[in-house]
PDB file of N, CA and C in Angstrom:
ATOM      1  N   MET A   1     124.222  77.526  95.314  1.00  0.00           N
ATOM      2  CA  MET A   1     124.996  78.500  94.696  1.00  0.00           C
ATOM      3  C   MET A   1     126.177  77.159  94.234  1.00  0.00           C
ATOM      4  N   PRO A   2     126.718  77.388  92.873  1.00  0.00           N
ATOM      5  CA  PRO A   2     127.525  76.397  92.481  1.00  0.00           C
ATOM      6  C   PRO A   2     128.833  77.034  92.835  1.00  0.00           C
ATOM      7  N   PRO A   3     129.820  75.760  93.030  1.00  0.00           N
ATOM      8  CA  PRO A   3     131.385  76.685  93.581  1.00  0.00           C
ATOM      9  C   PRO A   3     132.066  77.536  92.338  1.00  0.00           C
ATOM     10  N   LEU A   4     132.838  78.408  92.747  1.00  0.00           N
ATOM     11  CA  LEU A   4     133.624  79.141  92.172  1.00  0.00           C
ATOM     12  C   LEU A   4     134.839  78.248  91.438  1.00  0.00           C
ATOM     13  N   ARG A   5     134.491  78.286  89.877  1.00  0.00           N
ATOM     14  CA  ARG A   5     135.563  77.116  89.533  1.00  0.00           C
ATOM     15  C   ARG A   5     136.859  78.306  89.042  1.00  0.00           C
ATOM     16  N   VAL A   6     138.078  77.799  89.621  1.00  0.00           N
ATOM     17  CA  VAL A   6     139.359  78.681  89.580  1.00  0.00           C
ATOM     18  C   VAL A   6     140.645  77.861  88.822  1.00  0.00           C
ATOM     19  N   ILE A   7     141.415  78.475  88.307  1.00  0.00           N
ATOM     20  CA  ILE A   7     142.558  78.210  87.905  1.00  0.00           C
ATOM     21  C   ILE A   7     143.655  79.059  88.412  1.00  0.00           C
ATOM     22  N   ILE A   8     144.769  78.279  88.870  1.00  0.00           N
ATOM     23  CA  ILE A   8     145.926  79.221  89.043  1.00  0.00           C
ATOM     24  C   ILE A   8     147.270  79.099  88.108  1.00  0.00           C
ATOM     25  N   ALA A   9     147.434  80.348  87.388  1.00  0.00           N
ATOM     26  CA  ALA A   9     148.360  80.311  86.526  1.00  0.00           C
ATOM     27  C   ALA A   9     149.732  81.083  86.832  1.00  0.00           C
ATOM     28  N   THR A  10     150.579  80.674  87.321  1.00  0.00           N
ATOM     29  CA  THR A  10     152.139  81.380  87.591  1.00  0.00           C
ATOM     30  C   THR A  10     153.195  80.164  87.445  1.00  0.00           C
ATOM     31  N   SER A  11     154.253  80.810  86.959  1.00  0.00           N
ATOM     32  CA  SER A  11     155.592  79.967  86.698  1.00  0.00           C
ATOM     33  C   SER A  11     156.201  79.467  88.153  1.00  0.00           C
ATOM     34  N   SER A  12     155.861  80.200  89.321  1.00  0.00           N
ATOM     35  CA  SER A  12     156.166  79.556  90.911  1.00  0.00           C
ATOM     36  C   SER A  12     155.450  78.613  91.544  1.00  0.00           C
ATOM     37  N   PRO A  13     156.398  77.461  91.378  1.00  0.00           N
ATOM     38  CA  PRO A  13     155.891  76.433  92.219  1.00  0.00           C
ATOM     39  C   PRO A  13     155.290  76.340  93.825  1.00  0.00           C
ATOM     40  N   LEU A  14     156.114  77.406  94.026  1.00  0.00           N
ATOM     41  CA  LEU A  14     155.526  77.687  95.730  1.00  0.00           C
ATOM     42  C   LEU A  14     154.295  78.611  95.562  1.00  0.00           C
ATOM     43  N   ALA A  15     154.119  79.432  94.810  1.00  0.00           N
ATOM     44  CA  ALA A  15     152.652  80.310  94.801  1.00  0.00           C
ATOM     45  C   ALA A  15     151.900  79.131  94.456  1.00  0.00           C
ATOM     46  N   GLN A  16     152.256  78.325  93.448  1.00  0.00           N
ATOM     47  CA  GLN A  16     151.104  77.489  93.055  1.00  0.00           C
ATOM     48  C   GLN A  16     150.392  76.644  94.262  1.00  0.00           C
ATOM     49  N   SER A  17     151.469  75.985  94.769  1.00  0.00           N
ATOM     50  CA  SER A  17     151.308  75.154  95.966  1.00  0.00           C
ATOM     51  C   SER A  17     150.408  75.553  97.138  1.00  0.00           C
ATOM     52  N   ARG A  18     150.900  77.002  97.544  1.00  0.00           N
ATOM     53  CA  ARG A  18     150.446  77.593  98.676  1.00  0.00           C
ATOM     54  C   ARG A  18     148.886  78.099  97.978  1.00  0.00           C
ATOM     55  N   LEU A  19     148.623  78.435  97.249  1.00  0.00           N
ATOM     56  CA  LEU A  19     147.303  79.022  96.712  1.00  0.00           C
ATOM     57  C   LEU A  19     146.495  77.555  96.531  1.00  0.00           C
ATOM     58  N   ALA A  20     146.817  76.516  96.023  1.00  0.00           N
ATOM     59  CA  ALA A  20     146.156  75.364  96.011  1.00  0.00           C
ATOM     60  C   ALA A  20     145.661  74.895  97.322  1.00  0.00           C
ATOM     61  N   ARG A  21     146.642  74.897  98.144  1.00  0.00           N
ATOM     62  CA  ARG A  21     146.087  74.448  99.643  1.00  0.00           C
ATOM     63  C   ARG A  21     145.249  75.505 100.318  1.00  0.00           C
ATOM     64  N   ASP A  22     145.429  76.685 100.045  1.00  0.00           N
ATOM     65  CA  ASP A  22     144.475  77.672 100.227  1.00  0.00           C
ATOM     66  C   ASP A  22     143.113  77.557  99.882  1.00  0.00           C
ATOM     67  N   LEU A  23     142.906  77.501  98.586  1.00  0.00           N
ATOM     68  CA  LEU A  23     141.707  76.985  97.905  1.00  0.00           C
ATOM     69  C   LEU A  23     141.155  75.782  98.579  1.00  0.00           C
ATOM     70  N   ALA A  24     141.942  74.807  98.272  1.00  0.00           N
ATOM     71  CA  ALA A  24     141.181  73.274  98.891  1.00  0.00           C
ATOM     72  C   ALA A  24     140.234  73.568  99.934  1.00  0.00           C
ATOM     73  N   ALA A  25     141.073  74.619 100.782  1.00  0.00           N
ATOM     74  CA  ALA A  25     140.323  74.582 102.325  1.00  0.00           C
ATOM     75  C   ALA A  25     138.686  75.489 102.275  1.00  0.00           C
ATOM     76  N   LEU A  26     138.585  75.818 101.113  1.00  0.00           N
ATOM     77  CA  LEU A  26     136.958  76.497 100.721  1.00  0.00           C
ATOM     78  C   LEU A  26     136.304  75.491  99.980  1.00  0.00           C
ATOM     79  N   ALA A  27     135.133  75.078 100.561  1.00  0.00           N
ATOM     80  CA  ALA A  27     134.023  74.449 100.086  1.00  0.00           C
ATOM     81  C   ALA A  27     133.644  75.215  98.622  1.00  0.00           C
ATOM     82  N   GLU A  28     133.287  76.514  98.803  1.00  0.00           N
ATOM     83  CA  GLU A  28     132.821  77.176  97.790  1.00  0.00           C
ATOM     84  C   GLU A  28     133.644  77.501  96.685  1.00  0.00           C
ATOM     85  N   VAL A  29     134.780  76.912  96.395  1.00  0.00           N
ATOM     86  CA  VAL A  29     135.863  76.913  95.472  1.00  0.00           C
ATOM     87  C   VAL A  29     136.056  75.372  94.847  1.00  0.00           C
ATOM     88  N   ASP A  30     136.281  75.242  93.685  1.00  0.00           N
ATOM     89  CA  ASP A  30     136.557  74.321  92.607  1.00  0.00           C
ATOM     90  C   ASP A  30     137.749  74.698  91.986  1.00  0.00           C
ATOM     91  N   LEU A  31     139.005  73.822  92.456  1.00  0.00           N
ATOM     92  CA  LEU A  31     140.339  74.423  91.832  1.00  0.00           C
ATOM     93  C   LEU A  31     140.225  73.324  90.698  1.00  0.00           C
ATOM     94  N   CYS A  32     140.182  73.987  89.495  1.00  0.00           N
ATOM     95  CA  CYS A  32     140.094  73.144  88.136  1.00  0.00           C
ATOM     96  C   CYS A  32     141.424  72.756  87.629  1.00  0.00           C
ATOM     97  N   GLY A  33     142.760  73.440  88.000  1.00  0.00           N
ATOM     98  CA  GLY A  33     143.924  73.119  87.605  1.00  0.00           C
ATOM     99  C   GLY A  33     144.669  74.281  87.907  1.00  0.00           C
ATOM    100  N   LYS A  34     146.177  73.827  87.337  1.00  0.00           N
ATOM    101  CA  LYS A  34     147.134  74.558  87.779  1.00  0.00           C
ATOM    102  C   LYS A  34     148.114  74.846  86.397  1.00  0.00           C
ATOM    103  N   ALA A  35     148.660  76.171  85.956  1.00  0.00           N
ATOM    104  CA  ALA A  35     149.414  75.826  84.955  1.00  0.00           C
ATOM    105  C   ALA A  35     150.731  76.993  84.999  1.00  0.00           C
ATOM    106  N   GLY A  36     152.119  76.513  84.663  1.00  0.00           N
ATOM    107  CA  GLY A  36     153.148  77.343  84.915  1.00  0.00           C
ATOM    108  C   GLY A  36     153.123  78.017  83.847  1.00  0.00           C
ATOM    109  N   ASP A  37     153.115  77.926  82.765  1.00  0.00           N
ATOM    110  CA  ASP A  37     153.525  78.776  81.079  1.00  0.00           C
ATOM    111  C   ASP A  37     152.189  79.086  80.457  1.00  0.00           C
ATOM    112  N   LEU A  38     152.128  79.960  79.619  1.00  0.00           N
ATOM    113  CA  LEU A  38     151.233  80.522  78.595  1.00  0.00           C
ATOM    114  C   LEU A  38     150.484  79.559  78.090  1.00  0.00           C
ATOM    115  N   SER A  39     151.404  78.600  77.161  1.00  0.00           N
ATOM    116  CA  SER A  39     150.498  77.627  76.570  1.00  0.00           C
ATOM    117  C   SER A  39     149.535  76.663  77.677  1.00  0.00           C
ATOM    118  N   ALA A  40     150.280  76.049  78.747  1.00  0.00           N
ATOM    119  CA  ALA A  40     149.356  75.388  79.566  1.00  0.00           C
ATOM    120  C   ALA A  40     148.114  76.144  80.181  1.00  0.00           C
ATOM    121  N   VAL A  41     148.390  77.769  80.150  1.00  0.00           N
ATOM    122  CA  VAL A  41     147.413  78.621  80.903  1.00  0.00           C
ATOM    123  C   VAL A  41     146.327  78.559  79.812  1.00  0.00           C
ATOM    124  N   TYR A  42     146.459  78.645  78.447  1.00  0.00           N
ATOM    125  CA  TYR A  42     145.471  78.885  77.257  1.00  0.00           C
ATOM    126  C   TYR A  42     144.485  77.426  77.354  1.00  0.00           C
ATOM    127  N   MET A  43     145.370  75.939  77.316  1.00  0.00           N
ATOM    128  CA  MET A  43     144.761  74.842  77.088  1.00  0.00           C
ATOM    129  C   MET A  43     143.781  74.630  78.104  1.00  0.00           C
ATOM    130  N   LEU A  44     144.444  75.101  79.377  1.00  0.00           N
ATOM    131  CA  LEU A  44     143.264  74.846  80.751  1.00  0.00           C
ATOM    132  C   LEU A  44     142.236  75.663  80.853  1.00  0.00           C
ATOM    133  N   ALA A  45     142.341  76.887  80.270  1.00  0.00           N
ATOM    134  CA  ALA A  45     141.311  77.846  80.242  1.00  0.00           C
ATOM    135  C   ALA A  45     140.238  77.531  79.624  1.00  0.00           C
ATOM    136  N   GLU A  46     140.758  76.979  78.068  1.00  0.00           N
ATOM    137  CA  GLU A  46     140.133  76.623  77.180  1.00  0.00           C
ATOM    138  C   GLU A  46     139.316  75.370  77.517  1.00  0.00           C
ATOM    139  N   ARG A  47     139.668  74.354  78.292  1.00  0.00           N
ATOM    140  CA  ARG A  47     139.400  73.227  78.644  1.00  0.00           C
ATOM    141  C   ARG A  47     138.301  73.323  79.443  1.00  0.00           C
ATOM    142  N   GLU A  48     138.600  74.196  80.814  1.00  0.00           N
ATOM    143  CA  GLU A  48     137.743  74.136  82.095  1.00  0.00           C
ATOM    144  C   GLU A  48     136.992  75.506  81.857  1.00  0.00           C
ATOM    145  N   GLU A  49     137.099  76.400  81.197  1.00  0.00           N
ATOM    146  CA  GLU A  49     136.095  77.302  81.287  1.00  0.00           C
ATOM    147  C   GLU A  49     136.038  78.070  82.553  1.00  0.00           C
ATOM    148  N   PRO A  50     137.042  78.307  83.463  1.00  0.00           N
ATOM    149  CA  PRO A  50     136.990  78.652  84.879  1.00  0.00           C
ATOM    150  C   PRO A  50     136.156  80.297  84.778  1.00  0.00           C
ATOM    151  N   ASP A  51     135.706  80.416  86.149  1.00  0.00           N
ATOM    152  CA  ASP A  51     135.215  81.693  86.663  1.00  0.00           C
ATOM    153  C   ASP A  51     136.277  82.663  86.806  1.00  0.00           C
ATOM    154  N   ILE A  52     137.321  82.373  87.598  1.00  0.00           N
ATOM    155  CA  ILE A  52     138.252  82.970  87.906  1.00  0.00           C
ATOM    156  C   ILE A  52     139.657  82.367  87.545  1.00  0.00           C
ATOM    157  N   ALA A  53     140.533  83.229  87.108  1.00  0.00           N
ATOM    158  CA  ALA A  53     141.850  82.675  87.018  1.00  0.00           C
ATOM    159  C   ALA A  53     142.710  83.452  87.811  1.00  0.00           C
ATOM    160  N   LEU A  54     143.758  82.797  88.804  1.00  0.00           N
ATOM    161  CA  LEU A  54     144.447  83.503  89.397  1.00  0.00           C
ATOM    162  C   LEU A  54     146.056  83.699  88.663  1.00  0.00           C
ATOM    163  N   VAL A  55     146.511  84.980  88.251  1.00  0.00           N
ATOM    164  CA  VAL A  55     147.553  85.022  87.598  1.00  0.00           C
ATOM    165  C   VAL A  55     148.702  85.628  88.157  1.00  0.00           C
ATOM    166  N   GLY A  56     149.615  84.881  87.946  1.00  0.00           N
ATOM    167  CA  GLY A  56     151.081  85.603  88.495  1.00  0.00           C
ATOM    168  C   GLY A  56     151.648  86.695  87.736  1.00  0.00           C
ATOM    169  N   GLY A  57     152.326  87.696  88.286  1.00  0.00           N
ATOM    170  CA  GLY A  57     152.811  88.909  87.446  1.00  0.00           C
ATOM    171  C   GLY A  57     153.652  88.377  86.247  1.00  0.00           C
ATOM    172  N   ASP A  58     154.577  87.161  86.734  1.00  0.00           N
ATOM    173  CA  ASP A  58     155.523  86.764  85.803  1.00  0.00           C
ATOM    174  C   ASP A  58     154.788  86.628  84.342  1.00  0.00           C
ATOM    175  N   LEU A  59     153.528  85.790  84.395  1.00  0.00           N
ATOM    176  CA  LEU A  59     153.008  85.611  83.091  1.00  0.00           C
ATOM    177  C   LEU A  59     152.236  86.555  82.829  1.00  0.00           C
ATOM    178  N   LEU A  60     151.466  87.524  83.364  1.00  0.00           N
ATOM    179  CA  LEU A  60     150.874  88.897  83.151  1.00  0.00           C
ATOM    180  C   LEU A  60     151.362  89.978  82.171  1.00  0.00           C
ATOM    181  N   ARG A  61     152.915  90.100  82.808  1.00  0.00           N
ATOM    182  CA  ARG A  61     153.724  90.783  81.945  1.00  0.00           C
ATOM    183  C   ARG A  61     154.442  90.226  80.839  1.00  0.00           C
ATOM    184  N   HIS A  62     153.887  89.194  80.337  1.00  0.00           N
ATOM    185  CA  HIS A  62     154.791  88.250  79.035  1.00  0.00           C
ATOM    186  C   HIS A  62     153.813  89.054  78.028  1.00  0.00           C
ATOM    187  N   PRO A  63     154.704  89.391  77.043  1.00  0.00           N
ATOM    188  CA  PRO A  63     154.352  89.920  76.127  1.00  0.00           C
ATOM    189  C   PRO A  63     153.018  89.345  75.204  1.00  0.00           C
ATOM    190  N   ASP A  64     153.280  87.962  75.222  1.00  0.00           N
ATOM    191  CA  ASP A  64     152.391  87.391  74.529  1.00  0.00           C
ATOM    192  C   ASP A  64     151.127  87.017  75.549  1.00  0.00           C
ATOM    193  N   PHE A  65     150.885  87.696  76.724  1.00  0.00           N
ATOM    194  CA  PHE A  65     150.022  87.200  77.474  1.00  0.00           C
ATOM    195  C   PHE A  65     148.383  87.996  76.877  1.00  0.00           C
ATOM    196  N   GLU A  66     148.314  88.670  76.039  1.00  0.00           N
ATOM    197  CA  GLU A  66     147.034  89.228  75.325  1.00  0.00           C
ATOM    198  C   GLU A  66     146.442  88.458  74.728  1.00  0.00           C
ATOM    199  N   GLY A  67     146.918  87.717  74.078  1.00  0.00           N
ATOM    200  CA  GLY A  67     146.230  86.441  73.874  1.00  0.00           C
ATOM    201  C   GLY A  67     145.203  85.413  74.921  1.00  0.00           C
ATOM    202  N   ILE A  68     145.780  85.231  75.985  1.00  0.00           N
ATOM    203  CA  ILE A  68     145.160  84.617  77.037  1.00  0.00           C
ATOM    204  C   ILE A  68     143.914  85.778  77.625  1.00  0.00           C
ATOM    205  N   THR A  69     144.282  86.895  77.426  1.00  0.00           N
ATOM    206  CA  THR A  69     143.262  87.957  77.700  1.00  0.00           C
ATOM    207  C   THR A  69     142.022  87.909  76.942  1.00  0.00           C
ATOM    208  N   SER A  70     142.320  87.795  75.749  1.00  0.00           N
ATOM    209  CA  SER A  70     141.180  87.493  74.903  1.00  0.00           C
ATOM    210  C   SER A  70     140.326  86.283  74.999  1.00  0.00           C
ATOM    211  N   LEU A  71     141.409  85.388  75.106  1.00  0.00           N
ATOM    212  CA  LEU A  71     140.258  84.321  75.532  1.00  0.00           C
ATOM    213  C   LEU A  71     139.663  84.190  76.852  1.00  0.00           C
ATOM    214  N   PHE A  72     140.157  85.087  77.643  1.00  0.00           N
ATOM    215  CA  PHE A  72     139.484  84.927  79.271  1.00  0.00           C
ATOM    216  C   PHE A  72     138.189  85.913  78.822  1.00  0.00           C
ATOM    217  N   ARG A  73     138.444  86.939  77.876  1.00  0.00           N
ATOM    218  CA  ARG A  73     137.016  87.830  77.484  1.00  0.00           C
ATOM    219  C   ARG A  73     136.369  87.006  77.079  1.00  0.00           C
ATOM    220  N   VAL A  74     136.133  86.101  76.081  1.00  0.00           N
ATOM    221  CA  VAL A  74     135.408  85.278  75.125  1.00  0.00           C
ATOM    222  C   VAL A  74     134.688  84.218  76.205  1.00  0.00           C
ATOM    223  N   ILE A  75     135.396  83.645  77.186  1.00  0.00           N
ATOM    224  CA  ILE A  75     134.679  82.582  78.214  1.00  0.00           C
ATOM    225  C   ILE A  75     134.308  83.228  79.224  1.00  0.00           C
ATOM    226  N   GLY A  76     134.594  84.485  79.589  1.00  0.00           N
ATOM    227  CA  GLY A  76     133.831  84.971  80.655  1.00  0.00           C
ATOM    228  C   GLY A  76     134.620  84.779  81.870  1.00  0.00           C
ATOM    229  N   THR A  77     135.866  84.979  82.020  1.00  0.00           N
ATOM    230  CA  THR A  77     136.812  84.332  83.219  1.00  0.00           C
ATOM    231  C   THR A  77     137.315  85.623  83.578  1.00  0.00           C
ATOM    232  N   THR A  78     137.182  85.728  84.845  1.00  0.00           N
ATOM    233  CA  THR A  78     137.801  87.180  85.574  1.00  0.00           C
ATOM    234  C   THR A  78     139.236  86.845  85.892  1.00  0.00           C
ATOM    235  N   ARG A  79     140.070  87.735  85.566  1.00  0.00           N
ATOM    236  CA  ARG A  79     141.493  87.771  85.990  1.00  0.00           C
ATOM    237  C   ARG A  79     141.670  88.182  86.991  1.00  0.00           C
ATOM    238  N   ILE A  80     142.701  87.596  88.402  1.00  0.00           N
ATOM    239  CA  ILE A  80     142.988  88.466  89.879  1.00  0.00           C
ATOM    240  C   ILE A  80     144.472  88.076  89.619  1.00  0.00           C
ATOM    241  N   GLU A  81     145.152  89.065  89.917  1.00  0.00           N
ATOM    242  CA  GLU A  81     146.610  89.044  90.104  1.00  0.00           C
ATOM    243  C   GLU A  81     147.010  88.525  91.338  1.00  0.00           C
ATOM    244  N   ILE A  82     148.156  87.199  91.170  1.00  0.00           N
ATOM    245  CA  ILE A  82     148.513  86.933  92.370  1.00  0.00           C
ATOM    246  C   ILE A  82     149.723  87.965  92.796  1.00  0.00           C
ATOM    247  N   LEU A  83     149.610  88.405  94.104  1.00  0.00           N
ATOM    248  CA  LEU A  83     150.487  89.075  94.501  1.00  0.00           C
ATOM    249  C   LEU A  83     151.543  88.455  95.487  1.00  0.00           C
ATOM    250  N   GLY A  84     152.382  89.319  95.867  1.00  0.00           N
ATOM    251  CA  GLY A  84     153.646  88.568  96.823  1.00  0.00           C
ATOM    252  C   GLY A  84     153.044  88.210  98.165  1.00  0.00           C
ATOM    253  N   ASP A  85     153.994  87.876  98.941  1.00  0.00           N
ATOM    254  CA  ASP A  85     153.534  87.452 100.178  1.00  0.00           C
ATOM    255  C   ASP A  85     152.952  88.401 101.092  1.00  0.00           C
ATOM    256  N   ALA A  86     153.786  89.728 100.874  1.00  0.00           N
ATOM    257  CA  ALA A  86     153.138  90.765 101.677  1.00  0.00           C
ATOM    258  C   ALA A  86     152.565  91.900 100.881  1.00  0.00           C
ATOM    259  N   PRO A  87     151.645  91.825 100.493  1.00  0.00           N
ATOM    260  CA  PRO A  87     151.086  92.707  99.482  1.00  0.00           C
ATOM    261  C   PRO A  87     150.866  94.142 100.284  1.00  0.00           C
ATOM    262  N   ALA A  88     150.764  95.022  99.590  1.00  0.00           N
ATOM    263  CA  ALA A  88     150.444  96.404 100.276  1.00  0.00           C
ATOM    264  C   ALA A  88     148.694  96.328 100.818  1.00  0.00           C
ATOM    265  N   ALA A  89     148.849  96.996 102.057  1.00  0.00           N
ATOM    266  CA  ALA A  89     147.072  96.702 102.340  1.00  0.00           C
ATOM    267  C   ALA A  89     146.255  97.722 101.341  1.00  0.00           C
ATOM    268  N   GLY A  90     145.238  96.849 101.042  1.00  0.00           N
ATOM    269  CA  GLY A  90     143.942  97.010 100.178  1.00  0.00           C
ATOM    270  C   GLY A  90     144.360  97.027  98.848  1.00  0.00           C
ATOM    271  N   ALA A  91     145.822  96.356  98.261  1.00  0.00           N
ATOM    272  CA  ALA A  91     146.156  96.003  97.081  1.00  0.00           C
ATOM    273  C   ALA A  91     145.116  94.877  96.436  1.00  0.00           C
ATOM    274  N   PRO A  92     144.618  95.553  95.495  1.00  0.00           N
ATOM    275  CA  PRO A  92     143.684  94.338  94.603  1.00  0.00           C
ATOM    276  C   PRO A  92     144.426  93.239  94.007  1.00  0.00           C
ATOM    277  N   GLY A  93     144.176  92.116  94.327  1.00  0.00           N
ATOM    278  CA  GLY A  93     144.552  90.782  93.797  1.00  0.00           C
ATOM    279  C   GLY A  93     144.686  89.846  95.321  1.00  0.00           C
ATOM    280  N   ILE A  94     145.207  88.713  95.007  1.00  0.00           N
ATOM    281  CA  ILE A  94     145.259  87.648  96.111  1.00  0.00           C
ATOM    282  C   ILE A  94     146.835  87.264  96.299  1.00  0.00           C
ATOM    283  N   ALA A  95     146.951  86.660  97.403  1.00  0.00           N
ATOM    284  CA  ALA A  95     147.978  86.535  98.124  1.00  0.00           C
ATOM    285  C   ALA A  95     148.243  85.210  98.562  1.00  0.00           C
ATOM    286  N   PRO A  96     149.175  84.350  98.488  1.00  0.00           N
ATOM    287  CA  PRO A  96     149.391  82.768  99.094  1.00  0.00           C
ATOM    288  C   PRO A  96     149.341  83.210 100.697  1.00  0.00           C
ATOM    289  N   GLY A  97     148.791  82.369 101.348  1.00  0.00           N
ATOM    290  CA  GLY A  97     148.459  82.746 102.962  1.00  0.00           C
ATOM    291  C   GLY A  97     147.409  83.498 103.228  1.00  0.00           C
ATOM    292  N   MET A  98     146.570  84.251 102.195  1.00  0.00           N
ATOM    293  CA  MET A  98     145.469  85.059 102.835  1.00  0.00           C
ATOM    294  C   MET A  98     144.542  84.166 103.725  1.00  0.00           C
ATOM    295  N   PRO A  99     144.109  84.918 104.887  1.00  0.00           N
ATOM    296  CA  PRO A  99     143.107  84.050 105.643  1.00  0.00           C
ATOM    297  C   PRO A  99     142.079  83.925 104.695  1.00  0.00           C
ATOM    298  N   GLY A 100     141.398  82.495 105.040  1.00  0.00           N
ATOM    299  CA  GLY A 100     140.278  82.096 104.079  1.00  0.00           C
ATOM    300  C   GLY A 100     139.162  82.869 103.842  1.00  0.00           C
ATOM    301  N   PRO A 101     138.561  83.426 104.763  1.00  0.00           N
ATOM    302  CA  PRO A 101     137.627  84.412 104.596  1.00  0.00           C
ATOM    303  C   PRO A 101     137.906  85.345 103.589  1.00  0.00           C
ATOM    304  N   ALA A 102     139.010  86.139 103.540  1.00  0.00           N
ATOM    305  CA  ALA A 102     139.550  87.238 102.887  1.00  0.00           C
ATOM    306  C   ALA A 102     139.618  86.674 101.862  1.00  0.00           C
ATOM    307  N   LEU A 103     140.356  85.373 101.391  1.00  0.00           N
ATOM    308  CA  LEU A 103     140.323  84.863 100.016  1.00  0.00           C
ATOM    309  C   LEU A 103     139.185  84.657  99.455  1.00  0.00           C
ATOM    310  N   LEU A 104     138.246  84.118 100.032  1.00  0.00           N
ATOM    311  CA  LEU A 104     136.918  83.881  99.557  1.00  0.00           C
ATOM    312  C   LEU A 104     136.064  85.382  99.110  1.00  0.00           C
ATOM    313  N   ALA A 105     136.149  86.345 100.038  1.00  0.00           N
ATOM    314  CA  ALA A 105     135.745  87.826  99.766  1.00  0.00           C
ATOM    315  C   ALA A 105     136.501  87.958  98.629  1.00  0.00           C
ATOM    316  N   ALA A 106     137.671  88.287  98.157  1.00  0.00           N
ATOM    317  CA  ALA A 106     138.061  88.798  97.429  1.00  0.00           C
ATOM    318  C   ALA A 106     137.745  88.008  95.881  1.00  0.00           C
ATOM    319  N   LEU A 107     137.978  86.742  95.939  1.00  0.00           N
ATOM    320  CA  LEU A 107     137.275  85.842  94.865  1.00  0.00           C
ATOM    321  C   LEU A 107     135.685  86.228  94.341  1.00  0.00           C
ATOM    322  N   ARG A 108     135.071  86.380  95.481  1.00  0.00           N
ATOM    323  CA  ARG A 108     133.772  86.592  95.163  1.00  0.00           C
ATOM    324  C   ARG A 108     133.605  88.569  94.632  1.00  0.00           C
ATOM    325  N   ARG A 109     133.963  89.040  95.176  1.00  0.00           N
ATOM    326  CA  ARG A 109     134.060  90.709  94.543  1.00  0.00           C
ATOM    327  C   ARG A 109     134.662  90.635  93.550  1.00  0.00           C
ATOM    328  N   ALA A 110     135.848  90.188  93.107  1.00  0.00           N
ATOM    329  CA  ALA A 110     136.247  89.900  91.871  1.00  0.00           C
ATOM    330  C   ALA A 110     135.054  89.180  90.646  1.00  0.00           C
ATOM    331  N   ARG A 111     134.529  88.267  91.154  1.00  0.00           N
ATOM    332  CA  ARG A 111     133.483  87.732  90.249  1.00  0.00           C
ATOM    333  C   ARG A 111     132.352  88.781  89.944  1.00  0.00           C
ATOM    334  N   ALA A 112     131.573  89.407  90.982  1.00  0.00           N
ATOM    335  CA  ALA A 112     130.652  90.116  91.043  1.00  0.00           C
ATOM    336  C   ALA A 112     131.162  91.175  89.939  1.00  0.00           C
ATOM    337  N   GLN A 113     132.170  92.167  90.231  1.00  0.00           N
ATOM    338  CA  GLN A 113     132.529  92.944  89.623  1.00  0.00           C
ATOM    339  C   GLN A 113     132.720  92.631  87.862  1.00  0.00           C
ATOM    340  N   MET A 114     133.200  91.517  87.675  1.00  0.00           N
ATOM    341  CA  MET A 114     132.869  91.117  86.404  1.00  0.00           C
ATOM    342  C   MET A 114     131.434  90.940  85.653  1.00  0.00           C
ATOM    343  N   ALA A 115     130.684  90.487  86.666  1.00  0.00           N
ATOM    344  CA  ALA A 115     129.395  90.171  86.427  1.00  0.00           C
ATOM    345  C   ALA A 115     128.746  91.671  86.319  1.00  0.00           C
TER     346      ALA A 115
END
C-alpha cells in the first residue's frame, strides 16, 4: 500500500515542527510539505495533491478558507483539524505529540471516511 501523502497547514511554527517530527517517524506517511498561510496552502495542495491535509484552527476559521475547501474537494484531499496540545478525549483531530500508533490510526480513519 502506498504511503499516505500528508501536508501540514498552520501558521504555528511550533505545531508545524512537532507534527513534522511525529509524521517523519511513520513509515506509512509521506510528508509532502508545510504551509503557514492560505496562499501557500493552496499552492502546496495544488502541486502535491495530498491524501490528507492537517489544518490548524487559525486557518480553518479564516474567512477565505472556503476556497481551500473547494480545492480539497476537487483533488480528493481529506482535511483533519490540528488540535491543541491537550485535546479533549475522543475529539476528532490530530494533536502534536500524539503517540505514533494513535496518529497513524487517526490518519487512516479519516482517509477511510473520505473514501
